[in-house]
């Protein structure tokens, strides 16, 4: 019951704020455009409501712990709309892959793998672009992000064998049966 109440309050907070919101926000397709991310961050770095964006993250992280990938992706994606931090964009890409990959396998839509992984690569490119502006990632996180981008680029370009593809974090997330 408490969970339903929390979800209802969360949804109501969005409904009452629709049309009245003065928070600068991106549109969903903007998250896949590194150029748009850079322009938005340069224009809204001071006016962005980071606290509002961070409000999505506890639920997203809790959803990851529960392996509720759809809810986690929605949380990270919602946060990124209001403040596209590099780590949030990376988490959004990976949780979305965890969510959609098993669905594609179950429904026989594995032919959409290239499209799904290309979308994830665009999100990871946006994460790198965001970090170029914000400089928030630690050297280790920056290296991990670059490894994810590099292996996805190689896989999508047909230059990654099956063994290396299995070690690529985004591909492993997509092919995971962890639902």
Protein backbone atom coordinates (compact mmCIF):
# COMPACT_ATOMS: atom_id res chain seq x y z
CA UNK A 1 0.00 0.00 0.00
CA UNK A 2 2.79 2.41 0.88
CA UNK A 3 4.45 1.70 -2.45
CA UNK A 4 1.23 2.47 -4.34
CA UNK A 5 0.85 5.70 -2.39
CA UNK A 6 4.42 6.70 -3.21
CA UNK A 7 3.89 5.98 -6.90
CA UNK A 8 0.63 7.92 -6.88
CA UNK A 9 2.28 10.90 -5.21
CA UNK A 10 5.18 10.74 -7.65
CA UNK A 11 2.80 10.76 -10.63
CA UNK A 12 0.68 13.51 -9.11
CA UNK A 13 3.72 15.70 -8.63
CA UNK A 14 4.36 15.49 -12.35
CA UNK A 15 0.76 16.16 -13.28
CA UNK A 16 0.50 19.27 -11.13
CA UNK A 17 3.74 20.60 -12.53
CA UNK A 18 2.89 20.05 -16.20
CA UNK A 19 2.50 23.27 -18.09
CA UNK A 20 3.65 25.32 -15.11
CA UNK A 21 7.19 24.07 -14.85
CA UNK A 22 9.94 26.59 -15.19
CA UNK A 23 12.62 23.93 -14.96
CA UNK A 24 14.68 23.75 -18.12
CA UNK A 25 14.44 20.25 -19.53
CA UNK A 26 15.54 18.29 -22.54
CA UNK A 27 13.26 16.19 -24.71
CA UNK A 28 13.86 12.42 -24.76
CA UNK A 29 15.47 12.38 -28.26
CA UNK A 30 17.89 15.12 -27.15
CA UNK A 31 19.62 12.68 -24.82
CA UNK A 32 21.01 10.88 -27.89
CA UNK A 33 22.56 14.04 -29.35
CA UNK A 34 25.97 14.95 -27.91
CA UNK A 35 25.81 18.36 -29.61
CA UNK A 36 22.45 19.12 -28.01
CA UNK A 37 23.73 17.98 -24.61
CA UNK A 38 26.73 20.30 -24.85
CA UNK A 39 24.61 23.29 -25.91
CA UNK A 40 22.04 22.60 -23.19
CA UNK A 41 24.66 22.27 -20.46
CA UNK A 42 26.43 25.43 -21.58
CA UNK A 43 23.11 27.33 -21.53
CA UNK A 44 21.57 25.82 -18.40
CA UNK A 45 24.45 24.81 -16.17
CA UNK A 46 23.48 27.47 -13.61
CA UNK A 47 19.69 27.34 -14.02
CA UNK A 48 19.24 23.56 -14.10
CA UNK A 49 17.44 22.14 -11.09
CA UNK A 50 19.99 19.54 -10.02
CA UNK A 51 18.08 18.72 -6.85
CA UNK A 52 14.98 17.88 -8.88
CA UNK A 53 17.05 15.75 -11.28
CA UNK A 54 18.69 13.94 -8.38
CA UNK A 55 15.26 13.19 -6.93
CA UNK A 56 14.87 10.46 -9.55
CA UNK A 57 18.07 8.70 -8.59
CA UNK A 58 17.25 6.95 -5.28
CA UNK A 59 14.39 5.10 -6.97
CA UNK A 60 16.61 4.32 -9.97
CA UNK A 61 19.40 2.92 -7.79
CA UNK A 62 16.94 0.92 -5.69
CA UNK A 63 15.43 -0.47 -8.90
CA UNK A 64 18.90 -1.57 -10.05
CA UNK A 65 19.36 -3.45 -6.76
CA UNK A 66 16.03 -5.18 -7.36
CA UNK A 67 16.94 -5.85 -11.01
CA UNK A 68 13.87 -3.91 -12.08
CA UNK A 69 15.59 -2.60 -15.20
CA UNK A 70 12.61 -0.81 -16.72
CA UNK A 71 12.02 1.27 -13.60
CA UNK A 72 15.76 1.94 -13.29
CA UNK A 73 15.97 3.14 -16.89
CA UNK A 74 12.98 5.42 -16.37
CA UNK A 75 14.59 6.88 -13.27
CA UNK A 76 17.94 7.54 -14.89
CA UNK A 77 16.29 8.81 -18.07
CA UNK A 78 14.01 11.12 -16.09
CA UNK A 79 16.95 12.54 -14.20
CA UNK A 80 18.94 13.08 -17.40
CA UNK A 81 16.11 15.15 -18.89
CA UNK A 82 16.59 17.75 -16.16
CA UNK A 83 20.34 17.47 -15.73
CA UNK A 84 22.25 15.24 -18.15
CA UNK A 85 25.15 14.29 -15.93
CA UNK A 86 27.63 11.90 -17.58
CA UNK A 87 27.25 9.06 -15.07
CA UNK A 88 23.46 9.30 -15.20
CA UNK A 89 23.51 9.07 -19.00
CA UNK A 90 25.78 6.01 -18.81
CA UNK A 91 23.51 4.34 -16.25
CA UNK A 92 20.51 5.15 -18.43
CA UNK A 93 22.14 3.50 -21.45
CA UNK A 94 23.08 0.34 -19.53
CA UNK A 95 19.80 -0.10 -17.66
CA UNK A 96 17.83 0.45 -20.87
CA UNK A 97 19.91 -2.32 -22.50
CA UNK A 98 19.27 -4.62 -19.53
CA UNK A 99 15.57 -3.90 -19.91
CA UNK A 100 15.09 -4.23 -23.67
CA UNK A 101 17.54 -7.04 -24.55
CA UNK A 102 15.67 -9.89 -22.85
CA UNK A 103 12.38 -8.57 -24.22
CA UNK A 104 13.78 -8.68 -27.75
CA UNK A 105 14.93 -12.27 -27.20
CA UNK A 106 11.59 -13.33 -25.73
CA UNK A 107 9.58 -11.74 -28.57
CA UNK A 108 11.92 -12.93 -31.33
CA UNK A 109 12.98 -9.40 -32.25
CA UNK A 110 16.70 -10.04 -32.01
CA UNK A 111 17.07 -8.40 -35.43
CA UNK A 112 16.71 -5.07 -33.56
CA UNK A 113 19.98 -5.58 -31.69
CA UNK A 114 21.95 -3.24 -33.95
CA UNK A 115 19.39 -0.46 -33.56
CA UNK A 116 19.26 -0.88 -29.78
CA UNK A 117 23.04 -0.93 -29.40
CA UNK A 118 23.43 2.08 -31.71
CA UNK A 119 21.01 4.00 -29.49
CA UNK A 120 23.06 3.03 -26.44
CA UNK A 121 26.22 4.21 -28.19
CA UNK A 122 24.60 7.60 -28.86
CA UNK A 123 23.71 7.86 -25.17
CA UNK A 124 27.29 6.97 -24.21
CA UNK A 125 28.57 9.56 -26.68
CA UNK A 126 26.29 12.08 -24.97
CA UNK A 127 27.72 11.03 -21.60
CA UNK A 128 31.25 11.72 -22.90
CA UNK A 129 30.13 15.08 -24.29
CA UNK A 130 28.51 15.97 -20.95
CA UNK A 131 31.73 15.11 -19.14
CA UNK A 132 33.71 17.31 -21.53
CA UNK A 133 31.61 20.23 -20.28
CA UNK A 134 31.14 19.27 -16.62
CA UNK A 135 34.34 17.34 -15.93
CA UNK A 136 32.61 15.18 -13.30
CA UNK A 137 33.87 11.67 -14.03
CA UNK A 138 36.79 10.23 -12.15
CA UNK A 139 39.66 8.93 -14.31
CA UNK A 140 38.44 5.36 -13.70
CA UNK A 141 34.85 6.21 -14.69
CA UNK A 142 36.07 8.10 -17.74
CA UNK A 143 38.12 5.07 -18.77
CA UNK A 144 35.15 2.74 -18.28
CA UNK A 145 32.93 5.02 -20.35
CA UNK A 146 35.54 5.10 -23.11
CA UNK A 147 35.88 1.29 -23.05
CA UNK A 148 32.10 0.94 -23.38
CA UNK A 149 32.03 3.34 -26.32
CA UNK A 150 35.02 1.73 -28.03
CA UNK A 151 33.73 -1.84 -27.80
CA UNK A 152 30.26 -0.81 -29.02
CA UNK A 153 31.78 1.09 -31.95
CA UNK A 154 33.91 -1.93 -32.83
CA UNK A 155 30.97 -4.33 -32.53
CA UNK A 156 28.66 -2.16 -34.63
CA UNK A 157 31.45 -1.79 -37.18
CA UNK A 158 31.87 -5.58 -37.41
CA UNK A 159 35.35 -5.48 -35.87
CA UNK A 160 34.72 -7.34 -32.63
CA UNK A 161 34.76 -11.13 -32.34
CA UNK A 162 32.33 -13.08 -30.17
CA UNK A 163 34.76 -13.44 -27.26
CA UNK A 164 35.47 -9.72 -27.08
CA UNK A 165 31.77 -8.90 -27.56
CA UNK A 166 30.95 -11.01 -24.49
CA UNK A 167 33.35 -8.85 -22.44
CA UNK A 168 31.80 -5.59 -23.64
CA UNK A 169 29.66 -4.30 -20.74
CA UNK A 170 26.85 -2.81 -22.88
CA UNK A 171 26.57 -5.94 -25.02
CA UNK A 172 26.63 -8.15 -21.93
CA UNK A 173 23.85 -6.01 -20.42
CA UNK A 174 21.78 -6.35 -23.59
CA UNK A 175 22.25 -10.10 -23.79
CA UNK A 176 21.70 -10.69 -20.09
CA UNK A 177 18.81 -12.90 -19.09
CA UNK A 178 18.74 -11.19 -15.70
CA UNK A 179 15.08 -10.12 -15.49
